[in-house]
Amino acid sequence: MLNTKSRNALASMATGLLTMTALTGAAMAQSTTLTMLVDNASHTIAISEALVEAFEAKNPDVAIEIEARPGGGEGDNIVKTRLATGQMTDIFWYNTGSLLQAIAPQRTLVDLSAEPFMDNIAEAFKTVVTAGEGIYGVPTRPAEAGGIFYNRAVYAQLGLEVPLTWADFMANNEAIKAAGITPVIQTYGEPWTSQVLVLADFYNVQRQNPDFAEQYTAGTAKFATTPGAVRGFEYLKEVFDAGYLNADFGAARYEDGLRMLAEGTGAHYPMITFAIPALSESFPEQMDDIGFFALPADTAENTGLTVWMPAGFYIPQTSSNVDVAKQFLAFVASPEGCAVQSEAVAVNGPYLIEGCVLPDDVAPAVADLLPYFEEGGQNAPALEFLSPIKGPILEQLTVEVGSGFREPADAAALYDEDVRKQAQQLGLPGW
């Protein structure tokens, strides 16, 4: 028989073994850790955190660590540098269309075209994450649109109607200025925001020049020599020359623009509808006062919605956890993933994943843009989704024109030169 000392020793060993087993089990429960890089916009982080939390709940053996990066040109450089040096996270959030082509997806990203979950994704989205024979991303959000957010309360106060032409828009701006309210908000403290009046005008450009995107890619159509294309630069100059901008437009930032819009100290904010979640988060009580309309063209028949495909989630070829990363992307590309997003942030447009539905309580700004999709198809993809070319200095040029430092025709010509350099880097024929 064992004496007391021996029994105590065995008990101690058993306790130790149980503790080691528990620790081993805990380690196994977190057997795979993925890393994820997203931009630092508040709604991006909120969506990513919600998706990660829901995925981890279904997959307790996986943990995902989120890292945020800046937006705009600085964020682009971080993504390109990490891909080039093999330091990219297992999953990352990045643009689609022309900016995706600039990171050479065939050389840097995992091809998802054979994955079953890709069958759930709209063909319109697949086209903007395709390079060669490969398809490389899943949508992070619903479809978005570029145009004009407006304050409905200001419009009601002044008896204004949604403009269908640029002349109508400028007349509204004059009435708003006379009432002591800033007509057009600009936030050049974050230069990327300055591009919207140019980029959101592409529906108008395509209406006048149906083959512009194809010819532009081939090097036979230019911004400077296409009257419809240079018009967006002219819009920037016209609102500046008329004195319609907020006094601090050169220093104001994106969040300042959203606040002015929501509070009614500014009536119009040219922006893309990815701003809806940020507006809903920061100004929930004012959401009923915020509407949206397509950027008006010179004629009503050329006025329609320029559509942005959302960013995508991608997997770099350098990931050591490709299979698990694919499981996360499959979750994102499912109705359950859409429901998680709808719960986390305000929906800003129609989903691009089969089986996903919009909530009943979408923001009025979303309701405003849906008719452009439903009634007569008054929409077209933004140029960056029809062509692989988008010059990196556009935001610098639009700030200069919008601040009165450069003429529109000069900016358009400089942009054409910037585009030429990029087209040559991409090896496109005709350049």
Protein backbone atom coordinates (compact mmCIF):
# COMPACT_ATOMS: atom_id res chain seq x y z
CA MET A 1 0.00 0.00 0.00
CA LEU A 2 1.05 3.57 -0.66
CA ASN A 3 1.88 5.69 2.31
CA THR A 4 0.51 9.19 2.74
CA LYS A 5 3.62 10.79 1.26
CA SER A 6 3.40 8.61 -1.88
CA ARG A 7 -0.33 9.28 -2.30
CA ASN A 8 0.27 13.02 -2.01
CA ALA A 9 3.05 12.82 -4.61
CA LEU A 10 0.80 10.95 -7.05
CA ALA A 11 -2.02 13.43 -6.45
CA SER A 12 0.36 16.27 -7.17
CA MET A 13 1.49 14.60 -10.38
CA ALA A 14 -2.10 14.02 -11.45
CA THR A 15 -2.95 17.66 -10.79
CA GLY A 16 0.05 18.70 -12.83
CA LEU A 17 -0.98 16.46 -15.69
CA LEU A 18 -4.51 17.84 -15.61
CA THR A 19 -3.16 21.38 -15.62
CA MET A 20 -0.89 20.58 -18.55
CA THR A 21 -3.80 18.99 -20.39
CA ALA A 22 -5.95 22.06 -19.78
CA LEU A 23 -3.19 24.34 -20.99
CA THR A 24 -2.64 22.17 -24.05
CA GLY A 25 -6.36 22.19 -24.77
CA ALA A 26 -6.45 25.96 -24.50
CA ALA A 27 -3.52 26.24 -26.88
CA MET A 28 -5.23 23.89 -29.32
CA ALA A 29 -8.42 25.97 -29.09
CA GLN A 30 -6.40 28.86 -30.53
CA SER A 31 -4.30 26.75 -32.88
CA THR A 32 -4.31 29.23 -35.79
CA THR A 33 -3.80 32.97 -35.57
CA LEU A 34 -4.51 35.04 -38.67
CA THR A 35 -3.46 38.63 -39.18
CA MET A 36 -5.59 41.19 -41.03
CA LEU A 37 -4.76 44.67 -42.36
CA VAL A 38 -7.61 47.14 -42.89
CA ASP A 39 -7.83 50.88 -43.44
CA ASN A 40 -8.44 53.05 -40.41
CA ALA A 41 -11.88 54.41 -41.32
CA SER A 42 -14.19 53.87 -38.36
CA HIS A 43 -16.76 51.91 -40.35
CA THR A 44 -14.08 49.65 -41.84
CA ILE A 45 -12.80 48.79 -38.38
CA ALA A 46 -16.34 48.24 -37.05
CA ILE A 47 -17.20 45.90 -39.93
CA SER A 48 -13.94 43.99 -39.63
CA GLU A 49 -14.29 43.57 -35.87
CA ALA A 50 -17.87 42.34 -36.20
CA LEU A 51 -16.98 39.83 -38.91
CA VAL A 52 -13.99 38.59 -36.94
CA GLU A 53 -16.00 38.19 -33.74
CA ALA A 54 -18.74 36.23 -35.53
CA PHE A 55 -16.22 34.06 -37.39
CA GLU A 56 -14.25 33.28 -34.22
CA ALA A 57 -17.47 32.28 -32.48
CA LYS A 58 -18.08 29.71 -35.22
CA ASN A 59 -14.42 28.69 -35.36
CA PRO A 60 -12.99 28.69 -31.81
CA ASP A 61 -9.69 27.24 -33.06
CA VAL A 62 -8.99 30.47 -35.00
CA ALA A 63 -8.02 33.91 -33.73
CA ILE A 64 -7.74 36.95 -36.02
CA GLU A 65 -5.66 39.99 -35.12
CA ILE A 66 -6.66 43.26 -36.82
CA GLU A 67 -4.19 45.99 -37.72
CA ALA A 68 -5.26 49.41 -39.09
CA ARG A 69 -3.44 51.48 -41.70
CA PRO A 70 -4.05 55.02 -43.03
CA GLY A 71 -6.22 55.62 -46.08
CA GLY A 72 -5.33 57.43 -49.31
CA GLY A 73 -1.88 57.49 -50.86
CA GLU A 74 -0.11 56.69 -47.60
CA GLY A 75 -2.15 53.54 -47.15
CA ASP A 76 -1.53 52.52 -50.77
CA ASN A 77 2.19 52.77 -50.20
CA ILE A 78 1.97 50.59 -47.09
CA VAL A 79 0.08 47.88 -48.98
CA LYS A 80 2.49 47.94 -51.93
CA THR A 81 5.56 47.91 -49.68
CA ARG A 82 4.31 45.00 -47.60
CA LEU A 83 3.44 42.96 -50.67
CA ALA A 84 6.81 43.72 -52.24
CA THR A 85 8.74 42.73 -49.11
CA GLY A 86 6.67 39.66 -48.22
CA GLN A 87 5.41 41.27 -45.00
CA MET A 88 1.69 41.40 -45.81
CA THR A 89 -0.85 40.05 -43.31
CA ASP A 90 -2.81 36.84 -43.99
CA ILE A 91 -5.85 38.84 -45.13
CA PHE A 92 -6.05 42.47 -46.18
CA TRP A 93 -8.73 45.00 -47.15
CA TYR A 94 -7.95 46.95 -50.34
CA ASN A 95 -9.45 48.65 -53.36
CA THR A 96 -10.84 46.96 -56.45
CA GLY A 97 -10.53 48.01 -60.09
CA SER A 98 -7.53 50.00 -61.30
CA LEU A 99 -5.82 50.24 -57.92
CA LEU A 100 -5.96 46.47 -57.56
CA GLN A 101 -4.33 46.04 -60.96
CA ALA A 102 -1.46 48.26 -59.78
CA ILE A 103 -0.45 45.69 -57.13
CA ALA A 104 -0.01 42.93 -59.75
CA PRO A 105 -2.56 40.46 -58.31
CA GLN A 106 -1.40 37.60 -60.52
CA ARG A 107 2.02 37.75 -58.87
CA THR A 108 1.02 38.72 -55.32
CA LEU A 109 -2.43 37.34 -54.47
CA VAL A 110 -4.11 33.95 -54.08
CA ASP A 111 -6.50 33.07 -56.92
CA LEU A 112 -9.99 32.34 -55.57
CA SER A 113 -11.71 31.49 -58.85
CA ALA A 114 -12.05 27.77 -58.04
CA GLU A 115 -13.53 28.31 -54.57
CA PRO A 116 -17.22 27.31 -54.21
CA PHE A 117 -18.05 30.46 -52.24
CA MET A 118 -17.23 32.58 -55.30
CA ASP A 119 -20.48 31.33 -56.86
CA ASN A 120 -22.35 33.58 -54.40
CA ILE A 121 -20.73 36.77 -55.65
CA ALA A 122 -22.25 39.04 -58.32
CA GLU A 123 -20.51 38.99 -61.69
CA ALA A 124 -20.27 42.79 -61.60
CA PHE A 125 -17.98 42.51 -58.59
CA LYS A 126 -15.95 39.61 -59.98
CA THR A 127 -15.01 41.71 -63.00
CA VAL A 128 -13.31 44.31 -60.80
CA VAL A 129 -11.20 41.76 -58.91
CA THR A 130 -10.15 39.79 -61.99
CA ALA A 131 -6.70 39.77 -63.59
CA GLY A 132 -5.97 37.35 -66.40
CA GLU A 133 -7.73 34.09 -65.58
CA GLY A 134 -7.78 34.68 -61.81
CA ILE A 135 -10.34 36.18 -59.44
CA TYR A 136 -8.76 37.50 -56.28
CA GLY A 137 -11.23 39.07 -53.80
CA VAL A 138 -14.63 39.05 -52.12
CA PRO A 139 -16.68 42.21 -51.46
CA THR A 140 -16.29 43.85 -48.08
CA ARG A 141 -19.46 45.97 -48.40
CA PRO A 142 -22.49 46.62 -50.61
CA ALA A 143 -22.18 48.58 -53.86
CA GLU A 144 -21.53 52.30 -53.38
CA ALA A 145 -22.11 55.44 -55.40
CA GLY A 146 -20.49 58.82 -55.86
CA GLY A 147 -22.55 61.99 -55.89
CA ILE A 148 -23.85 64.66 -53.55
CA PHE A 149 -24.99 64.21 -49.97
CA TYR A 150 -27.38 67.00 -49.05
CA ASN A 151 -29.12 68.26 -45.94
CA ARG A 152 -32.86 67.70 -46.37
CA ALA A 153 -33.73 70.12 -43.59
CA VAL A 154 -31.90 72.95 -45.37
CA TYR A 155 -33.69 72.09 -48.59
CA ALA A 156 -37.06 72.08 -46.84
CA GLN A 157 -36.29 75.37 -45.09
CA LEU A 158 -35.45 77.09 -48.38
CA GLY A 159 -38.04 75.32 -50.54
CA LEU A 160 -35.44 73.71 -52.81
CA GLU A 161 -35.81 70.67 -55.03
CA VAL A 162 -33.22 68.03 -55.90
CA PRO A 163 -31.39 69.37 -58.98
CA LEU A 164 -31.29 67.44 -62.23
CA THR A 165 -28.81 69.74 -64.01
CA TRP A 166 -25.62 71.52 -63.01
CA ALA A 167 -27.33 74.89 -63.55
CA ASP A 168 -30.07 73.85 -61.12
CA PHE A 169 -27.41 72.77 -58.62
CA MET A 170 -25.61 76.11 -58.86
CA ALA A 171 -28.90 77.97 -58.46
CA ASN A 172 -29.59 76.00 -55.29
CA ASN A 173 -26.09 76.88 -54.08
CA GLU A 174 -26.78 80.58 -54.61
CA ALA A 175 -29.98 80.40 -52.58
CA ILE A 176 -28.19 78.52 -49.82
CA LYS A 177 -25.35 81.05 -49.73
CA ALA A 178 -27.90 83.90 -49.49
CA ALA A 179 -29.36 82.16 -46.42
CA GLY A 180 -25.97 82.25 -44.70
CA ILE A 181 -25.28 78.52 -45.04
CA THR A 182 -22.22 76.99 -46.71
CA PRO A 183 -23.44 75.62 -50.05
CA VAL A 184 -20.65 73.11 -50.84
CA ILE A 185 -18.45 71.41 -48.25
CA GLN A 186 -14.92 70.50 -49.27
CA THR A 187 -12.32 68.84 -47.06
CA TYR A 188 -8.96 69.17 -48.76
CA GLY A 189 -7.17 68.51 -45.46
CA GLU A 190 -7.63 64.93 -46.67
CA PRO A 191 -6.78 65.28 -50.38
CA TRP A 192 -8.54 62.09 -51.50
CA THR A 193 -11.90 63.72 -50.78
CA SER A 194 -11.24 66.35 -53.45
CA GLN A 195 -11.64 63.87 -56.33
CA VAL A 196 -15.37 63.20 -56.10
CA LEU A 197 -16.64 65.93 -58.47
CA VAL A 198 -14.34 64.52 -61.17
CA LEU A 199 -14.84 60.82 -60.54
CA ALA A 200 -18.60 60.91 -59.89
CA ASP A 201 -19.16 62.65 -63.24
CA PHE A 202 -18.32 59.51 -65.20
CA TYR A 203 -21.95 58.54 -65.86
CA ASN A 204 -22.22 61.85 -67.71
CA VAL A 205 -18.94 61.20 -69.57
CA GLN A 206 -20.08 57.76 -70.67
CA ARG A 207 -23.46 59.05 -71.80
CA GLN A 208 -21.72 61.49 -74.13
CA ASN A 209 -18.86 59.14 -75.09
CA PRO A 210 -19.99 55.49 -74.76
CA ASP A 211 -16.57 54.16 -75.80
CA PHE A 212 -14.52 56.51 -73.62
CA ALA A 213 -13.30 53.84 -71.15
CA GLU A 214 -12.12 51.53 -73.92
CA GLN A 215 -10.47 54.36 -75.86
CA TYR A 216 -8.92 55.81 -72.71
CA THR A 217 -7.36 52.42 -71.89
CA ALA A 218 -6.06 52.18 -75.45
CA GLY A 219 -4.51 55.65 -75.22
CA THR A 220 -6.70 57.21 -77.91
CA ALA A 221 -9.02 59.26 -75.65
CA LYS A 222 -7.74 61.88 -73.22
CA PHE A 223 -9.28 63.92 -70.43
CA ALA A 224 -7.90 67.19 -71.80
CA THR A 225 -9.29 66.68 -75.30
CA THR A 226 -12.68 65.23 -74.32
CA PRO A 227 -15.09 68.04 -73.31
CA GLY A 228 -17.25 65.75 -71.20
CA ALA A 229 -14.24 64.38 -69.30
CA VAL A 230 -12.68 67.76 -68.50
CA ARG A 231 -16.03 68.97 -67.17
CA GLY A 232 -15.45 67.49 -63.71
CA PHE A 233 -12.35 69.66 -63.29
CA GLU A 234 -14.44 72.65 -64.36
CA TYR A 235 -17.02 71.87 -61.67
CA LEU A 236 -14.28 72.23 -59.05
CA LYS A 237 -13.30 75.65 -60.35
CA GLU A 238 -16.90 76.87 -60.65
CA VAL A 239 -17.86 76.16 -57.05
CA PHE A 240 -14.60 77.75 -55.86
CA ASP A 241 -14.96 80.86 -58.06
CA ALA A 242 -18.54 81.35 -56.88
CA GLY A 243 -17.44 81.41 -53.23
CA TYR A 244 -19.57 78.42 -52.33
CA LEU A 245 -17.01 76.56 -50.21
CA ASN A 246 -16.58 76.46 -46.44
CA ALA A 247 -13.97 78.95 -45.22
CA ASP A 248 -11.67 76.21 -43.94
CA PHE A 249 -11.92 73.98 -47.02
CA GLY A 250 -8.13 73.73 -47.32
CA ALA A 251 -7.66 72.34 -43.81
CA ALA A 252 -10.99 70.65 -43.07
CA ARG A 253 -10.97 66.87 -42.87
CA TYR A 254 -13.45 64.16 -43.80
CA GLU A 255 -14.96 64.03 -40.30
CA ASP A 256 -15.45 67.82 -40.41
CA GLY A 257 -17.35 67.48 -43.66
CA LEU A 258 -19.66 64.84 -42.21
CA ARG A 259 -20.32 67.02 -39.15
CA MET A 260 -21.13 70.11 -41.22
CA LEU A 261 -23.51 68.09 -43.39
CA ALA A 262 -25.28 66.48 -40.43
CA GLU A 263 -25.56 69.71 -38.46
CA GLY A 264 -26.80 71.69 -41.46
CA THR A 265 -24.00 74.26 -41.41
CA GLY A 266 -23.19 72.97 -44.89
CA ALA A 267 -25.81 71.90 -47.42
CA HIS A 268 -23.92 69.71 -49.93
CA TYR A 269 -20.97 67.34 -49.53
CA PRO A 270 -19.63 65.62 -52.67
CA MET A 271 -18.78 62.16 -51.40
CA ILE A 272 -19.15 58.41 -51.95
CA THR A 273 -21.85 56.55 -50.05
CA PHE A 274 -19.32 54.62 -48.00
CA ALA A 275 -19.78 57.64 -45.70
CA ILE A 276 -23.23 56.43 -44.62
CA PRO A 277 -21.99 54.13 -41.82
CA ALA A 278 -19.77 56.89 -40.41
CA LEU A 279 -22.66 59.35 -40.52
CA SER A 280 -24.97 56.86 -38.84
CA GLU A 281 -22.44 56.14 -36.12
CA SER A 282 -21.60 59.77 -35.33
CA PHE A 283 -24.95 61.45 -36.05
CA PRO A 284 -27.75 58.92 -35.56
CA GLU A 285 -30.30 61.60 -34.68
CA GLN A 286 -29.66 63.49 -37.92
CA MET A 287 -29.83 60.60 -40.40
CA ASP A 288 -33.36 61.49 -41.50
CA ASP A 289 -32.03 64.92 -42.52
CA ILE A 290 -29.38 63.50 -44.85
CA GLY A 291 -30.22 62.69 -48.46
CA PHE A 292 -28.28 61.84 -51.59
CA PHE A 293 -28.51 62.59 -55.32
CA ALA A 294 -26.42 61.84 -58.39
CA LEU A 295 -23.98 64.51 -59.50
CA PRO A 296 -25.99 66.67 -61.91
CA ALA A 297 -24.74 66.92 -65.49
CA ASP A 298 -25.24 69.86 -67.83
CA THR A 299 -28.40 68.18 -69.13
CA ALA A 300 -30.96 66.14 -67.24
CA GLU A 301 -30.74 63.22 -69.69
CA ASN A 302 -27.03 62.86 -68.91
CA THR A 303 -27.56 62.87 -65.16
CA GLY A 304 -27.23 59.46 -63.53
CA LEU A 305 -25.42 57.53 -60.83
CA THR A 306 -21.72 56.67 -60.99
CA VAL A 307 -21.30 53.40 -59.09
CA TRP A 308 -18.32 52.27 -57.03
CA MET A 309 -17.65 48.65 -56.37
CA PRO A 310 -16.70 48.13 -52.71
CA ALA A 311 -13.23 47.23 -51.53
CA GLY A 312 -12.28 43.57 -51.34
CA PHE A 313 -10.72 41.15 -48.89
CA TYR A 314 -7.63 39.48 -50.36
CA ILE A 315 -5.11 36.80 -49.40
CA PRO A 316 -1.45 37.35 -50.30
CA GLN A 317 0.55 34.46 -51.71
CA THR A 318 2.98 34.87 -48.81
CA SER A 319 0.37 33.85 -46.21
CA SER A 320 1.20 30.67 -44.29
CA ASN A 321 -2.50 30.19 -43.44
CA VAL A 322 -4.15 30.28 -46.85
CA ASP A 323 -6.76 27.58 -46.17
CA VAL A 324 -7.98 29.20 -42.95
CA ALA A 325 -7.96 32.63 -44.59
CA LYS A 326 -10.19 31.19 -47.34
CA GLN A 327 -12.62 30.01 -44.64
CA PHE A 328 -12.90 33.60 -43.41
CA LEU A 329 -13.52 34.92 -46.93
CA ALA A 330 -16.20 32.25 -47.41
CA PHE A 331 -17.93 33.54 -44.28
CA VAL A 332 -17.76 37.13 -45.54
CA ALA A 333 -19.27 36.04 -48.88
CA SER A 334 -22.38 34.53 -47.29
CA PRO A 335 -25.80 35.81 -46.19
CA GLU A 336 -24.68 35.30 -42.59
CA GLY A 337 -21.71 37.58 -43.22
CA CYS A 338 -24.00 40.22 -44.74
CA ALA A 339 -26.30 40.03 -41.71
CA VAL A 340 -23.33 40.60 -39.42
CA GLN A 341 -22.40 43.70 -41.42
CA SER A 342 -25.95 45.04 -41.40
CA GLU A 343 -26.01 44.71 -37.63
CA ALA A 344 -22.61 46.36 -37.21
CA VAL A 345 -22.95 49.45 -39.41
CA ALA A 346 -25.55 51.25 -41.48
CA VAL A 347 -26.05 49.69 -44.92
CA ASN A 348 -24.99 52.00 -47.74
CA GLY A 349 -26.30 50.24 -50.85
CA PRO A 350 -27.33 46.90 -52.39
CA TYR A 351 -25.29 43.83 -51.43
CA LEU A 352 -23.34 41.97 -54.12
CA ILE A 353 -23.70 38.52 -52.54
CA GLU A 354 -26.50 36.12 -53.43
CA GLY A 355 -29.08 35.68 -50.68
CA CYS A 356 -28.24 38.91 -48.87
CA VAL A 357 -31.13 41.28 -48.23
CA LEU A 358 -31.32 44.90 -47.13
CA PRO A 359 -32.80 45.68 -43.73
CA ASP A 360 -36.17 47.41 -43.65
CA ASP A 361 -34.76 50.46 -41.89
CA VAL A 362 -32.11 51.61 -44.39
CA ALA A 363 -31.06 55.26 -44.15
CA PRO A 364 -32.95 57.76 -46.35
CA ALA A 365 -29.75 58.37 -48.32
CA VAL A 366 -29.72 54.68 -49.32
CA ALA A 367 -33.38 54.85 -50.30
CA ASP A 368 -32.50 57.88 -52.46
CA LEU A 369 -29.92 56.00 -54.51
CA LEU A 370 -31.86 52.75 -55.00
CA PRO A 371 -34.12 54.19 -57.77
CA TYR A 372 -31.05 54.76 -59.92
CA PHE A 373 -30.55 50.99 -59.85
CA GLU A 374 -34.21 50.04 -60.15
CA GLU A 375 -35.74 52.53 -62.59
CA GLY A 376 -34.30 52.42 -66.08
CA GLY A 377 -30.75 51.56 -65.06
CA GLN A 378 -29.53 55.14 -64.66
CA ASN A 379 -26.12 54.03 -63.45
CA ALA A 380 -22.68 53.18 -64.74
CA PRO A 381 -19.49 51.93 -63.07
CA ALA A 382 -16.86 54.52 -62.22
CA LEU A 383 -14.02 54.71 -64.74
CA GLU A 384 -11.56 53.00 -62.39
CA PHE A 385 -13.66 49.83 -62.64
CA LEU A 386 -13.73 49.87 -66.45
CA SER A 387 -10.08 50.66 -66.99
CA PRO A 388 -6.91 49.58 -65.15
CA ILE A 389 -5.56 53.13 -65.31
CA LYS A 390 -5.91 55.71 -62.56
CA GLY A 391 -3.10 58.21 -62.17
CA PRO A 392 -1.83 58.62 -58.59
CA ILE A 393 -1.59 62.43 -58.70
CA LEU A 394 -5.30 63.04 -59.35
CA GLU A 395 -5.99 64.07 -55.75
CA GLN A 396 -3.16 66.61 -55.90
CA LEU A 397 -4.54 68.11 -59.12
CA THR A 398 -8.13 68.28 -57.86
CA VAL A 399 -6.99 70.08 -54.70
CA GLU A 400 -5.11 72.61 -56.83
CA VAL A 401 -8.07 73.26 -59.15
CA GLY A 402 -10.54 73.31 -56.29
CA SER A 403 -8.36 75.83 -54.42
CA GLY A 404 -8.02 78.19 -57.39
CA PHE A 405 -4.34 77.45 -58.03
CA ARG A 406 -4.64 75.64 -61.37
CA GLU A 407 -6.90 75.87 -64.42
CA PRO A 408 -9.07 72.84 -65.27
CA ALA A 409 -7.61 72.35 -68.76
CA ASP A 410 -4.07 72.43 -67.37
CA ALA A 411 -4.97 69.89 -64.67
CA ALA A 412 -6.59 67.59 -67.22
CA ALA A 413 -3.47 67.70 -69.41
CA LEU A 414 -1.21 66.94 -66.44
CA TYR A 415 -3.46 64.07 -65.45
CA ASP A 416 -3.22 62.64 -68.97
CA GLU A 417 0.57 62.70 -68.62
CA ASP A 418 0.35 60.98 -65.22
CA VAL A 419 -1.91 58.34 -66.73
CA ARG A 420 0.53 57.79 -69.60
CA LYS A 421 3.29 56.91 -67.14
CA GLN A 422 1.09 54.44 -65.32
CA ALA A 423 -0.14 52.83 -68.55
CA GLN A 424 3.44 52.29 -69.63
CA GLN A 425 4.29 50.76 -66.26
CA LEU A 426 1.37 48.37 -66.72
CA GLY A 427 2.61 47.49 -70.21
CA LEU A 428 -0.62 48.48 -71.93
CA PRO A 429 -0.51 48.60 -75.75
CA GLY A 430 -0.92 51.96 -77.49
CA TRP A 431 1.03 54.02 -74.97
